[in-house]
Structures are given as structure tokens and as C-alpha cells.
Amino acid sequence: MHHGENFDEAVAARSEVAKTQEPSEAVLNILNDEKAQKDGESEFWVFVAALKEFYEEFKRLPVAGVLPDMISKSEFYI
């Protein structure tokens, strides 16, 4: 079984994966919601608070939210 194509494609796409886009208005609305607190009312809002802190420090989201498609063959999974 030869997986070289997948590794070659991953290496070629690594710079695209590293890029992040500006968050959408909907994401910014969630990040700026007053419920986004470290002692938030639910785990969701605690996670949002952590994401907001990351965004404020690094001026980007930690991941782009998309991954480039990889070459694959069904026989590798059967």
C-alpha cells in the first residue's frame, strides 16, 4: 500500500492550512457576547471566553476551519 500521494499533498497544502481567515460577523458576535466569561454559565461560554482571549492576543483564530481535500483511494480503507 502506497500513501505517498497523501503525504506529498499534505506537504504542498501546509501553508494553506496555516492561513486563517477573519472571523465572520456571526463568530465575532458570539465572541463578544456578554455570556463569554471564564466563569460562564456553561462549558460552551467558558470555551468561547478562551477562544476570545486567544483571538485578542494573536489577532487570529487558532485554526482556519477548513482543511484541503486529500487524495485518497477506497482500497486503502477496505
N, C-alpha and C. Protein backbone atom coordinates (compact mmCIF):
# COMPACT_ATOMS: atom_id res chain seq x y z
N MET A 1 0.84 -1.18 0.00
CA MET A 1 0.00 0.00 0.00
C MET A 1 0.89 1.24 0.00
N HIS A 2 0.66 2.15 -0.93
CA HIS A 2 1.49 3.34 -1.06
C HIS A 2 0.66 4.58 -0.74
N HIS A 3 1.07 5.32 0.28
CA HIS A 3 0.34 6.52 0.70
C HIS A 3 1.11 7.78 0.35
N GLY A 4 2.12 7.67 -0.48
CA GLY A 4 2.97 8.81 -0.80
C GLY A 4 2.23 10.01 -1.33
N GLU A 5 1.19 9.79 -2.13
CA GLU A 5 0.43 10.92 -2.68
C GLU A 5 -0.17 11.77 -1.57
N ASN A 6 -0.72 11.11 -0.54
CA ASN A 6 -1.33 11.87 0.55
C ASN A 6 -0.30 12.71 1.29
N PHE A 7 0.88 12.15 1.53
CA PHE A 7 1.92 12.91 2.21
C PHE A 7 2.41 14.07 1.34
N ASP A 8 2.57 13.80 0.05
CA ASP A 8 3.00 14.87 -0.87
C ASP A 8 1.99 16.00 -0.90
N GLU A 9 0.70 15.64 -0.94
CA GLU A 9 -0.34 16.67 -0.98
C GLU A 9 -0.40 17.43 0.35
N ALA A 10 -0.22 16.73 1.45
CA ALA A 10 -0.24 17.40 2.76
C ALA A 10 0.89 18.40 2.87
N VAL A 11 2.08 18.03 2.42
CA VAL A 11 3.22 18.94 2.47
C VAL A 11 2.95 20.16 1.59
N ALA A 12 2.40 19.92 0.39
CA ALA A 12 2.12 21.03 -0.52
C ALA A 12 1.04 21.97 0.04
N ALA A 13 0.11 21.44 0.82
CA ALA A 13 -1.01 22.24 1.32
C ALA A 13 -0.76 22.85 2.69
N ARG A 14 0.37 22.57 3.31
CA ARG A 14 0.57 23.02 4.69
C ARG A 14 0.48 24.52 4.84
N SER A 15 0.92 25.28 3.88
CA SER A 15 0.83 26.73 4.02
C SER A 15 -0.61 27.20 3.94
N GLU A 16 -1.45 26.51 3.19
CA GLU A 16 -2.86 26.87 3.11
C GLU A 16 -3.58 26.57 4.42
N VAL A 17 -3.23 25.47 5.08
CA VAL A 17 -3.87 25.11 6.34
C VAL A 17 -3.49 26.12 7.42
N ALA A 18 -2.27 26.63 7.37
CA ALA A 18 -1.79 27.56 8.40
C ALA A 18 -2.48 28.92 8.31
N LYS A 19 -3.00 29.27 7.13
CA LYS A 19 -3.65 30.56 6.98
C LYS A 19 -4.99 30.57 7.69
N THR A 20 -5.31 31.67 8.28
CA THR A 20 -6.63 31.81 8.90
C THR A 20 -7.35 32.97 8.24
N GLN A 21 -8.64 32.89 8.23
CA GLN A 21 -9.45 33.96 7.69
C GLN A 21 -9.97 34.80 8.84
N GLU A 22 -10.41 36.00 8.50
CA GLU A 22 -11.06 36.83 9.50
C GLU A 22 -12.34 36.12 9.93
N PRO A 23 -12.64 36.15 11.21
CA PRO A 23 -13.88 35.52 11.65
C PRO A 23 -15.09 36.22 11.05
N SER A 24 -16.12 35.45 10.80
CA SER A 24 -17.36 36.02 10.26
C SER A 24 -18.01 36.92 11.32
N GLU A 25 -18.98 37.68 10.88
CA GLU A 25 -19.71 38.55 11.81
C GLU A 25 -20.42 37.71 12.87
N ALA A 26 -20.92 36.56 12.47
CA ALA A 26 -21.62 35.68 13.42
C ALA A 26 -20.66 35.20 14.51
N VAL A 27 -19.43 34.83 14.13
CA VAL A 27 -18.45 34.37 15.12
C VAL A 27 -18.06 35.53 16.03
N LEU A 28 -17.84 36.70 15.46
CA LEU A 28 -17.50 37.86 16.27
C LEU A 28 -18.61 38.20 17.26
N ASN A 29 -19.86 38.04 16.84
CA ASN A 29 -20.99 38.29 17.75
C ASN A 29 -20.94 37.33 18.93
N ILE A 30 -20.61 36.07 18.68
CA ILE A 30 -20.51 35.09 19.77
C ILE A 30 -19.34 35.43 20.67
N LEU A 31 -18.18 35.76 20.08
CA LEU A 31 -17.01 36.10 20.89
C LEU A 31 -17.28 37.32 21.78
N ASN A 32 -18.08 38.24 21.29
CA ASN A 32 -18.34 39.47 22.04
C ASN A 32 -19.59 39.40 22.92
N ASP A 33 -20.22 38.25 22.95
CA ASP A 33 -21.41 38.10 23.81
C ASP A 33 -21.01 38.23 25.27
N GLU A 34 -21.84 38.90 26.05
CA GLU A 34 -21.52 39.11 27.48
C GLU A 34 -21.48 37.80 28.26
N LYS A 35 -22.05 36.73 27.73
CA LYS A 35 -22.02 35.42 28.43
C LYS A 35 -20.65 34.74 28.31
N ALA A 36 -19.78 35.24 27.41
CA ALA A 36 -18.46 34.65 27.22
C ALA A 36 -17.56 35.05 28.39
N GLN A 37 -17.61 34.29 29.45
CA GLN A 37 -16.85 34.56 30.68
C GLN A 37 -16.13 33.29 31.12
N LYS A 38 -14.97 33.46 31.75
CA LYS A 38 -14.22 32.30 32.26
C LYS A 38 -15.01 31.54 33.32
N ASP A 39 -15.91 32.22 33.99
CA ASP A 39 -16.79 31.55 34.95
C ASP A 39 -18.21 31.51 34.39
N GLY A 40 -18.30 31.26 33.09
CA GLY A 40 -19.57 31.30 32.37
C GLY A 40 -20.58 30.29 32.88
N GLU A 41 -21.81 30.50 32.43
CA GLU A 41 -22.93 29.68 32.89
C GLU A 41 -22.91 28.27 32.32
N SER A 42 -22.08 28.02 31.30
CA SER A 42 -21.95 26.68 30.74
C SER A 42 -20.55 26.51 30.17
N GLU A 43 -20.18 25.25 29.92
CA GLU A 43 -18.86 24.99 29.33
C GLU A 43 -18.70 25.71 28.00
N PHE A 44 -19.78 25.79 27.23
CA PHE A 44 -19.72 26.47 25.94
C PHE A 44 -19.18 27.88 26.09
N TRP A 45 -19.74 28.63 27.03
CA TRP A 45 -19.33 30.02 27.19
C TRP A 45 -17.92 30.14 27.78
N VAL A 46 -17.50 29.17 28.56
CA VAL A 46 -16.12 29.16 29.05
C VAL A 46 -15.17 28.95 27.87
N PHE A 47 -15.54 28.02 26.97
CA PHE A 47 -14.71 27.80 25.77
C PHE A 47 -14.69 29.03 24.87
N VAL A 48 -15.84 29.69 24.74
CA VAL A 48 -15.89 30.91 23.94
C VAL A 48 -14.99 31.98 24.55
N ALA A 49 -15.00 32.09 25.87
CA ALA A 49 -14.13 33.08 26.54
C ALA A 49 -12.66 32.78 26.26
N ALA A 50 -12.28 31.51 26.28
CA ALA A 50 -10.90 31.13 25.98
C ALA A 50 -10.55 31.45 24.53
N LEU A 51 -11.47 31.18 23.62
CA LEU A 51 -11.24 31.49 22.21
C LEU A 51 -11.11 33.00 22.00
N LYS A 52 -11.94 33.75 22.70
CA LYS A 52 -11.87 35.21 22.61
C LYS A 52 -10.52 35.72 23.10
N GLU A 53 -10.06 35.16 24.20
CA GLU A 53 -8.75 35.56 24.74
C GLU A 53 -7.65 35.27 23.73
N PHE A 54 -7.70 34.09 23.09
CA PHE A 54 -6.72 33.74 22.06
C PHE A 54 -6.79 34.75 20.91
N TYR A 55 -8.00 35.03 20.45
CA TYR A 55 -8.19 35.94 19.32
C TYR A 55 -7.67 37.34 19.66
N GLU A 56 -7.94 37.81 20.83
CA GLU A 56 -7.48 39.15 21.22
C GLU A 56 -5.96 39.22 21.30
N GLU A 57 -5.32 38.15 21.75
CA GLU A 57 -3.86 38.16 21.87
C GLU A 57 -3.16 38.01 20.53
N PHE A 58 -3.66 37.08 19.68
CA PHE A 58 -2.96 36.75 18.44
C PHE A 58 -3.59 37.35 17.19
N LYS A 59 -4.74 38.01 17.33
CA LYS A 59 -5.44 38.66 16.22
C LYS A 59 -5.79 37.68 15.10
N ARG A 60 -6.04 36.44 15.49
CA ARG A 60 -6.47 35.40 14.53
C ARG A 60 -7.09 34.27 15.33
N LEU A 61 -7.86 33.44 14.65
CA LEU A 61 -8.39 32.24 15.27
C LEU A 61 -7.33 31.15 15.23
N PRO A 62 -7.39 30.17 16.11
CA PRO A 62 -6.33 29.16 16.15
C PRO A 62 -6.27 28.25 14.93
N VAL A 63 -7.39 28.06 14.24
CA VAL A 63 -7.39 27.24 13.01
C VAL A 63 -8.26 27.92 11.97
N ALA A 64 -8.02 27.55 10.73
CA ALA A 64 -8.75 28.17 9.63
C ALA A 64 -10.19 27.66 9.53
N GLY A 65 -10.45 26.48 10.03
CA GLY A 65 -11.79 25.94 9.94
C GLY A 65 -12.04 25.08 8.74
N VAL A 66 -11.07 25.00 7.84
CA VAL A 66 -11.17 24.13 6.67
C VAL A 66 -9.85 23.43 6.47
N LEU A 67 -9.91 22.24 5.90
CA LEU A 67 -8.71 21.51 5.52
C LEU A 67 -8.79 21.20 4.04
N PRO A 68 -7.68 21.29 3.32
CA PRO A 68 -7.72 20.95 1.91
C PRO A 68 -8.05 19.48 1.74
N ASP A 69 -8.73 19.16 0.67
CA ASP A 69 -9.09 17.78 0.37
C ASP A 69 -7.82 16.98 0.09
N MET A 70 -7.81 15.74 0.54
CA MET A 70 -6.65 14.88 0.33
C MET A 70 -6.97 13.83 -0.73
N ILE A 71 -5.95 13.41 -1.46
CA ILE A 71 -6.09 12.32 -2.42
C ILE A 71 -6.30 11.04 -1.62
N SER A 72 -7.25 10.25 -2.02
CA SER A 72 -7.49 9.00 -1.31
C SER A 72 -8.07 7.98 -2.27
N LYS A 73 -7.93 6.73 -1.90
CA LYS A 73 -8.49 5.64 -2.69
C LYS A 73 -9.25 4.72 -1.76
N SER A 74 -10.39 4.23 -2.23
CA SER A 74 -11.23 3.36 -1.39
C SER A 74 -10.49 2.14 -0.92
N GLU A 75 -9.61 1.56 -1.74
CA GLU A 75 -8.94 0.32 -1.33
C GLU A 75 -8.06 0.50 -0.09
N PHE A 76 -7.66 1.75 0.22
CA PHE A 76 -6.88 1.98 1.43
C PHE A 76 -7.72 1.79 2.69
N TYR A 77 -9.04 1.88 2.55
CA TYR A 77 -9.92 1.81 3.71
C TYR A 77 -10.70 0.51 3.79
N ILE A 78 -10.54 -0.34 2.79
CA ILE A 78 -11.29 -1.61 2.76
C ILE A 78 -10.40 -2.76 3.21
